[in-house]
Amino acid sequence: MSRKCAATLSFPKTWNQWVQVSDVLGRVVGSYRNINSNQFTIPSASIQKGVYLIKILNSEGRVYTFKLQR
């Protein structure tokens, strides 16, 4: 059985990362900590169709924000 994914994020290098997924109203719909990889897949069960903001915080304290439309 294959697992569907909402999005796969790729990072330039491996950091201990934190990823937060919020809807356009600011409600957190997914929060993932201690991602020790240069790639992370957001499970499709976490989000429905719509527009989301993806916030990534790496271990160097840098914050990156992206828009995801599903």
PDB file of N, CA and C in Angstrom:
ATOM      1  N   MET A   1       0.847  -1.169   0.000  1.00  0.00           N
ATOM      2  CA  MET A   1       0.000   0.000   0.000  1.00  0.00           C
ATOM      3  C   MET A   1       0.893   1.234   0.000  1.00  0.00           C
ATOM      4  N   SER A   2       0.683   2.144  -0.940  1.00  0.00           N
ATOM      5  CA  SER A   2       1.500   3.354  -0.988  1.00  0.00           C
ATOM      6  C   SER A   2       0.894   4.440  -0.103  1.00  0.00           C
ATOM      7  N   ARG A   3       1.774   5.236   0.460  1.00  0.00           N
ATOM      8  CA  ARG A   3       1.346   6.311   1.345  1.00  0.00           C
ATOM      9  C   ARG A   3       1.381   7.611   0.562  1.00  0.00           C
ATOM     10  N   LYS A   4       0.268   8.340   0.513  1.00  0.00           N
ATOM     11  CA  LYS A   4       0.238   9.613  -0.180  1.00  0.00           C
ATOM     12  C   LYS A   4       0.893  10.672   0.691  1.00  0.00           C
ATOM     13  N   CYS A   5       1.505  11.654   0.026  1.00  0.00           N
ATOM     14  CA  CYS A   5       2.106  12.747   0.778  1.00  0.00           C
ATOM     15  C   CYS A   5       1.570  14.060   0.253  1.00  0.00           C
ATOM     16  N   ALA A   6       1.535  15.057   1.122  1.00  0.00           N
ATOM     17  CA  ALA A   6       1.071  16.382   0.740  1.00  0.00           C
ATOM     18  C   ALA A   6       2.194  17.161   0.083  1.00  0.00           C
ATOM     19  N   ALA A   7       3.393  17.035   0.607  1.00  0.00           N
ATOM     20  CA  ALA A   7       4.545  17.757   0.056  1.00  0.00           C
ATOM     21  C   ALA A   7       5.815  17.159   0.625  1.00  0.00           C
ATOM     22  N   THR A   8       6.861  17.197  -0.184  1.00  0.00           N
ATOM     23  CA  THR A   8       8.176  16.788   0.280  1.00  0.00           C
ATOM     24  C   THR A   8       9.069  18.017   0.262  1.00  0.00           C
ATOM     25  N   LEU A   9       9.663  18.317   1.403  1.00  0.00           N
ATOM     26  CA  LEU A   9      10.560  19.457   1.544  1.00  0.00           C
ATOM     27  C   LEU A   9      11.991  18.967   1.464  1.00  0.00           C
ATOM     28  N   SER A  10      12.819  19.669   0.721  1.00  0.00           N
ATOM     29  CA  SER A  10      14.241  19.342   0.633  1.00  0.00           C
ATOM     30  C   SER A  10      15.045  20.516   1.165  1.00  0.00           C
ATOM     31  N   PHE A  11      16.036  20.214   1.973  1.00  0.00           N
ATOM     32  CA  PHE A  11      16.858  21.238   2.606  1.00  0.00           C
ATOM     33  C   PHE A  11      18.278  21.173   2.048  1.00  0.00           C
ATOM     34  N   PRO A  12      19.005  22.311   2.045  1.00  0.00           N
ATOM     35  CA  PRO A  12      20.350  22.319   1.473  1.00  0.00           C
ATOM     36  C   PRO A  12      21.347  21.446   2.222  1.00  0.00           C
ATOM     37  N   LYS A  13      21.140  21.251   3.507  1.00  0.00           N
ATOM     38  CA  LYS A  13      21.992  20.349   4.274  1.00  0.00           C
ATOM     39  C   LYS A  13      21.206  19.798   5.453  1.00  0.00           C
ATOM     40  N   THR A  14      21.760  18.834   6.123  1.00  0.00           N
ATOM     41  CA  THR A  14      21.070  18.200   7.240  1.00  0.00           C
ATOM     42  C   THR A  14      21.236  19.036   8.496  1.00  0.00           C
ATOM     43  N   TRP A  15      20.119  19.476   9.055  1.00  0.00           N
ATOM     44  CA  TRP A  15      20.078  20.176  10.333  1.00  0.00           C
ATOM     45  C   TRP A  15      19.047  19.479  11.200  1.00  0.00           C
ATOM     46  N   ASN A  16      19.107  19.732  12.478  1.00  0.00           N
ATOM     47  CA  ASN A  16      18.025  19.311  13.353  1.00  0.00           C
ATOM     48  C   ASN A  16      16.941  20.364  13.183  1.00  0.00           C
ATOM     49  N   GLN A  17      15.866  20.013  12.487  1.00  0.00           N
ATOM     50  CA  GLN A  17      14.895  21.002  12.068  1.00  0.00           C
ATOM     51  C   GLN A  17      13.544  20.814  12.727  1.00  0.00           C
ATOM     52  N   TRP A  18      12.795  21.903  12.707  1.00  0.00           N
ATOM     53  CA  TRP A  18      11.429  21.929  13.206  1.00  0.00           C
ATOM     54  C   TRP A  18      10.572  22.480  12.083  1.00  0.00           C
ATOM     55  N   VAL A  19       9.495  21.804  11.736  1.00  0.00           N
ATOM     56  CA  VAL A  19       8.602  22.230  10.664  1.00  0.00           C
ATOM     57  C   VAL A  19       7.208  22.413  11.252  1.00  0.00           C
ATOM     58  N   GLN A  20       6.610  23.555  10.939  1.00  0.00           N
ATOM     59  CA  GLN A  20       5.253  23.838  11.391  1.00  0.00           C
ATOM     60  C   GLN A  20       4.393  24.166  10.176  1.00  0.00           C
ATOM     61  N   VAL A  21       3.199  23.574  10.105  1.00  0.00           N
ATOM     62  CA  VAL A  21       2.261  23.815   9.018  1.00  0.00           C
ATOM     63  C   VAL A  21       1.053  24.536   9.603  1.00  0.00           C
ATOM     64  N   SER A  22       0.735  25.719   9.040  1.00  0.00           N
ATOM     65  CA  SER A  22      -0.402  26.515   9.514  1.00  0.00           C
ATOM     66  C   SER A  22      -1.333  26.815   8.350  1.00  0.00           C
ATOM     67  N   ASP A  23      -2.631  26.921   8.649  1.00  0.00           N
ATOM     68  CA  ASP A  23      -3.558  27.333   7.604  1.00  0.00           C
ATOM     69  C   ASP A  23      -3.520  28.854   7.484  1.00  0.00           C
ATOM     70  N   VAL A  24      -4.285  29.412   6.541  1.00  0.00           N
ATOM     71  CA  VAL A  24      -4.234  30.857   6.300  1.00  0.00           C
ATOM     72  C   VAL A  24      -4.805  31.675   7.458  1.00  0.00           C
ATOM     73  N   LEU A  25      -5.522  31.031   8.365  1.00  0.00           N
ATOM     74  CA  LEU A  25      -6.035  31.717   9.545  1.00  0.00           C
ATOM     75  C   LEU A  25      -5.050  31.665  10.714  1.00  0.00           C
ATOM     76  N   GLY A  26      -3.910  31.016  10.500  1.00  0.00           N
ATOM     77  CA  GLY A  26      -2.884  30.940  11.539  1.00  0.00           C
ATOM     78  C   GLY A  26      -2.989  29.737  12.454  1.00  0.00           C
ATOM     79  N   ARG A  27      -3.954  28.870  12.217  1.00  0.00           N
ATOM     80  CA  ARG A  27      -4.099  27.671  13.054  1.00  0.00           C
ATOM     81  C   ARG A  27      -3.042  26.645  12.666  1.00  0.00           C
ATOM     82  N   VAL A  28      -2.344  26.118  13.659  1.00  0.00           N
ATOM     83  CA  VAL A  28      -1.329  25.092  13.407  1.00  0.00           C
ATOM     84  C   VAL A  28      -2.037  23.767  13.147  1.00  0.00           C
ATOM     85  N   VAL A  29      -1.774  23.183  11.971  1.00  0.00           N
ATOM     86  CA  VAL A  29      -2.397  21.908  11.615  1.00  0.00           C
ATOM     87  C   VAL A  29      -1.389  20.761  11.648  1.00  0.00           C
ATOM     88  N   GLY A  30      -0.112  21.088  11.819  1.00  0.00           N
ATOM     89  CA  GLY A  30       0.919  20.063  11.926  1.00  0.00           C
ATOM     90  C   GLY A  30       2.200  20.664  12.464  1.00  0.00           C
ATOM     91  N   SER A  31       2.843  19.956  13.355  1.00  0.00           N
ATOM     92  CA  SER A  31       4.105  20.407  13.922  1.00  0.00           C
ATOM     93  C   SER A  31       5.018  19.183  14.045  1.00  0.00           C
ATOM     94  N   TYR A  32       6.203  19.288  13.474  1.00  0.00           N
ATOM     95  CA  TYR A  32       7.123  18.155  13.413  1.00  0.00           C
ATOM     96  C   TYR A  32       8.480  18.610  13.937  1.00  0.00           C
ATOM     97  N   ARG A  33       9.000  17.937  14.938  1.00  0.00           N
ATOM     98  CA  ARG A  33      10.255  18.331  15.584  1.00  0.00           C
ATOM     99  C   ARG A  33      11.330  17.271  15.383  1.00  0.00           C
ATOM    100  N   ASN A  34      12.565  17.700  15.607  1.00  0.00           N
ATOM    101  CA  ASN A  34      13.730  16.814  15.566  1.00  0.00           C
ATOM    102  C   ASN A  34      13.853  16.070  14.238  1.00  0.00           C
ATOM    103  N   ILE A  35      13.711  16.802  13.154  1.00  0.00           N
ATOM    104  CA  ILE A  35      13.890  16.228  11.828  1.00  0.00           C
ATOM    105  C   ILE A  35      15.370  16.292  11.509  1.00  0.00           C
ATOM    106  N   ASN A  36      16.027  15.173  11.556  1.00  0.00           N
ATOM    107  CA  ASN A  36      17.472  15.107  11.353  1.00  0.00           C
ATOM    108  C   ASN A  36      17.766  14.554   9.967  1.00  0.00           C
ATOM    109  N   SER A  37      17.328  15.283   8.969  1.00  0.00           N
ATOM    110  CA  SER A  37      17.459  14.823   7.588  1.00  0.00           C
ATOM    111  C   SER A  37      17.488  16.032   6.666  1.00  0.00           C
ATOM    112  N   ASN A  38      17.905  15.820   5.433  1.00  0.00           N
ATOM    113  CA  ASN A  38      17.850  16.930   4.480  1.00  0.00           C
ATOM    114  C   ASN A  38      16.573  16.855   3.634  1.00  0.00           C
ATOM    115  N   GLN A  39      15.637  15.964   4.017  1.00  0.00           N
ATOM    116  CA  GLN A  39      14.369  15.834   3.315  1.00  0.00           C
ATOM    117  C   GLN A  39      13.286  15.435   4.306  1.00  0.00           C
ATOM    118  N   PHE A  40      12.093  15.994   4.120  1.00  0.00           N
ATOM    119  CA  PHE A  40      10.983  15.687   5.025  1.00  0.00           C
ATOM    120  C   PHE A  40       9.691  15.683   4.219  1.00  0.00           C
ATOM    121  N   THR A  41       8.834  14.685   4.451  1.00  0.00           N
ATOM    122  CA  THR A  41       7.555  14.572   3.765  1.00  0.00           C
ATOM    123  C   THR A  41       6.426  14.849   4.741  1.00  0.00           C
ATOM    124  N   ILE A  42       5.575  15.800   4.373  1.00  0.00           N
ATOM    125  CA  ILE A  42       4.402  16.110   5.185  1.00  0.00           C
ATOM    126  C   ILE A  42       3.309  15.118   4.799  1.00  0.00           C
ATOM    127  N   PRO A  43       2.795  14.359   5.760  1.00  0.00           N
ATOM    128  CA  PRO A  43       1.747  13.369   5.445  1.00  0.00           C
ATOM    129  C   PRO A  43       0.467  14.051   4.961  1.00  0.00           C
ATOM    130  N   SER A  44      -0.195  13.456   3.978  1.00  0.00           N
ATOM    131  CA  SER A  44      -1.419  14.050   3.430  1.00  0.00           C
ATOM    132  C   SER A  44      -2.554  14.074   4.448  1.00  0.00           C
ATOM    133  N   ALA A  45      -2.511  13.198   5.432  1.00  0.00           N
ATOM    134  CA  ALA A  45      -3.560  13.184   6.449  1.00  0.00           C
ATOM    135  C   ALA A  45      -3.524  14.449   7.303  1.00  0.00           C
ATOM    136  N   SER A  46      -2.383  15.158   7.293  1.00  0.00           N
ATOM    137  CA  SER A  46      -2.239  16.357   8.109  1.00  0.00           C
ATOM    138  C   SER A  46      -2.988  17.557   7.555  1.00  0.00           C
ATOM    139  N   ILE A  47      -3.164  17.601   6.224  1.00  0.00           N
ATOM    140  CA  ILE A  47      -3.768  18.785   5.634  1.00  0.00           C
ATOM    141  C   ILE A  47      -4.778  18.434   4.550  1.00  0.00           C
ATOM    142  N   GLN A  48      -5.813  19.236   4.472  1.00  0.00           N
ATOM    143  CA  GLN A  48      -6.838  19.116   3.440  1.00  0.00           C
ATOM    144  C   GLN A  48      -6.467  20.059   2.294  1.00  0.00           C
ATOM    145  N   LYS A  49      -7.295  20.118   1.255  1.00  0.00           N
ATOM    146  CA  LYS A  49      -7.049  21.054   0.160  1.00  0.00           C
ATOM    147  C   LYS A  49      -7.135  22.478   0.691  1.00  0.00           C
ATOM    148  N   GLY A  50      -6.220  23.330   0.219  1.00  0.00           N
ATOM    149  CA  GLY A  50      -6.211  24.725   0.652  1.00  0.00           C
ATOM    150  C   GLY A  50      -4.817  25.312   0.558  1.00  0.00           C
ATOM    151  N   VAL A  51      -4.649  26.473   1.165  1.00  0.00           N
ATOM    152  CA  VAL A  51      -3.369  27.170   1.178  1.00  0.00           C
ATOM    153  C   VAL A  51      -2.810  27.122   2.594  1.00  0.00           C
ATOM    154  N   TYR A  52      -1.517  26.823   2.706  1.00  0.00           N
ATOM    155  CA  TYR A  52      -0.866  26.680   4.004  1.00  0.00           C
ATOM    156  C   TYR A  52       0.462  27.416   4.017  1.00  0.00           C
ATOM    157  N   LEU A  53       0.881  27.793   5.206  1.00  0.00           N
ATOM    158  CA  LEU A  53       2.201  28.373   5.394  1.00  0.00           C
ATOM    159  C   LEU A  53       3.071  27.335   6.080  1.00  0.00           C
ATOM    160  N   ILE A  54       4.244  27.114   5.518  1.00  0.00           N
ATOM    161  CA  ILE A  54       5.202  26.169   6.079  1.00  0.00           C
ATOM    162  C   ILE A  54       6.319  26.986   6.694  1.00  0.00           C
ATOM    163  N   LYS A  55       6.550  26.792   7.984  1.00  0.00           N
ATOM    164  CA  LYS A  55       7.630  27.491   8.682  1.00  0.00           C
ATOM    165  C   LYS A  55       8.678  26.460   9.097  1.00  0.00           C
ATOM    166  N   ILE A  56       9.923  26.730   8.752  1.00  0.00           N
ATOM    167  CA  ILE A  56      11.024  25.820   9.075  1.00  0.00           C
ATOM    168  C   ILE A  56      12.023  26.575   9.944  1.00  0.00           C
ATOM    169  N   LEU A  57      12.383  25.999  11.070  1.00  0.00           N
ATOM    170  CA  LEU A  57      13.410  26.554  11.946  1.00  0.00           C
ATOM    171  C   LEU A  57      14.541  25.541  12.009  1.00  0.00           C
ATOM    172  N   ASN A  58      15.756  25.974  11.636  1.00  0.00           N
ATOM    173  CA  ASN A  58      16.872  25.024  11.683  1.00  0.00           C
ATOM    174  C   ASN A  58      17.685  25.222  12.957  1.00  0.00           C
ATOM    175  N   SER A  59      18.644  24.346  13.180  1.00  0.00           N
ATOM    176  CA  SER A  59      19.427  24.369  14.417  1.00  0.00           C
ATOM    177  C   SER A  59      20.358  25.576  14.495  1.00  0.00           C
ATOM    178  N   GLU A  60      20.516  26.305  13.397  1.00  0.00           N
ATOM    179  CA  GLU A  60      21.317  27.534  13.419  1.00  0.00           C
ATOM    180  C   GLU A  60      20.460  28.746  13.757  1.00  0.00           C
ATOM    181  N   GLY A  61      19.164  28.545  14.001  1.00  0.00           N
ATOM    182  CA  GLY A  61      18.271  29.623  14.378  1.00  0.00           C
ATOM    183  C   GLY A  61      17.657  30.372  13.214  1.00  0.00           C
ATOM    184  N   ARG A  62      17.862  29.911  12.018  1.00  0.00           N
ATOM    185  CA  ARG A  62      17.276  30.554  10.841  1.00  0.00           C
ATOM    186  C   ARG A  62      15.858  30.047  10.617  1.00  0.00           C
ATOM    187  N   VAL A  63      14.980  30.981  10.246  1.00  0.00           N
ATOM    188  CA  VAL A  63      13.584  30.645   9.978  1.00  0.00           C
ATOM    189  C   VAL A  63      13.299  30.873   8.503  1.00  0.00           C
ATOM    190  N   TYR A  64      12.661  29.898   7.874  1.00  0.00           N
ATOM    191  CA  TYR A  64      12.258  29.985   6.480  1.00  0.00           C
ATOM    192  C   TYR A  64      10.756  29.774   6.417  1.00  0.00           C
ATOM    193  N   THR A  65      10.075  30.558   5.585  1.00  0.00           N
ATOM    194  CA  THR A  65       8.631  30.439   5.446  1.00  0.00           C
ATOM    195  C   THR A  65       8.280  30.264   3.970  1.00  0.00           C
ATOM    196  N   PHE A  66       7.398  29.311   3.695  1.00  0.00           N
ATOM    197  CA  PHE A  66       6.976  29.014   2.333  1.00  0.00           C
ATOM    198  C   PHE A  66       5.460  28.881   2.292  1.00  0.00           C
ATOM    199  N   LYS A  67       4.904  29.099   1.124  1.00  0.00           N
ATOM    200  CA  LYS A  67       3.469  28.892   0.908  1.00  0.00           C
ATOM    201  C   LYS A  67       3.285  27.546   0.206  1.00  0.00           C
ATOM    202  N   LEU A  68       2.335  26.786   0.664  1.00  0.00           N
ATOM    203  CA  LEU A  68       1.993  25.500   0.047  1.00  0.00           C
ATOM    204  C   LEU A  68       0.536  25.551  -0.347  1.00  0.00           C
ATOM    205  N   GLN A  69       0.255  25.257  -1.600  1.00  0.00           N
ATOM    206  CA  GLN A  69      -1.130  25.178  -2.048  1.00  0.00           C
ATOM    207  C   GLN A  69      -1.397  23.739  -2.439  1.00  0.00           C
ATOM    208  N   ARG A  70      -2.398  23.164  -1.830  1.00  0.00           N
ATOM    209  CA  ARG A  70      -2.722  21.752  -2.084  1.00  0.00           C
ATOM    210  C   ARG A  70      -4.068  21.662  -2.719  1.00  0.00           C
TER     211      ARG A  70
END
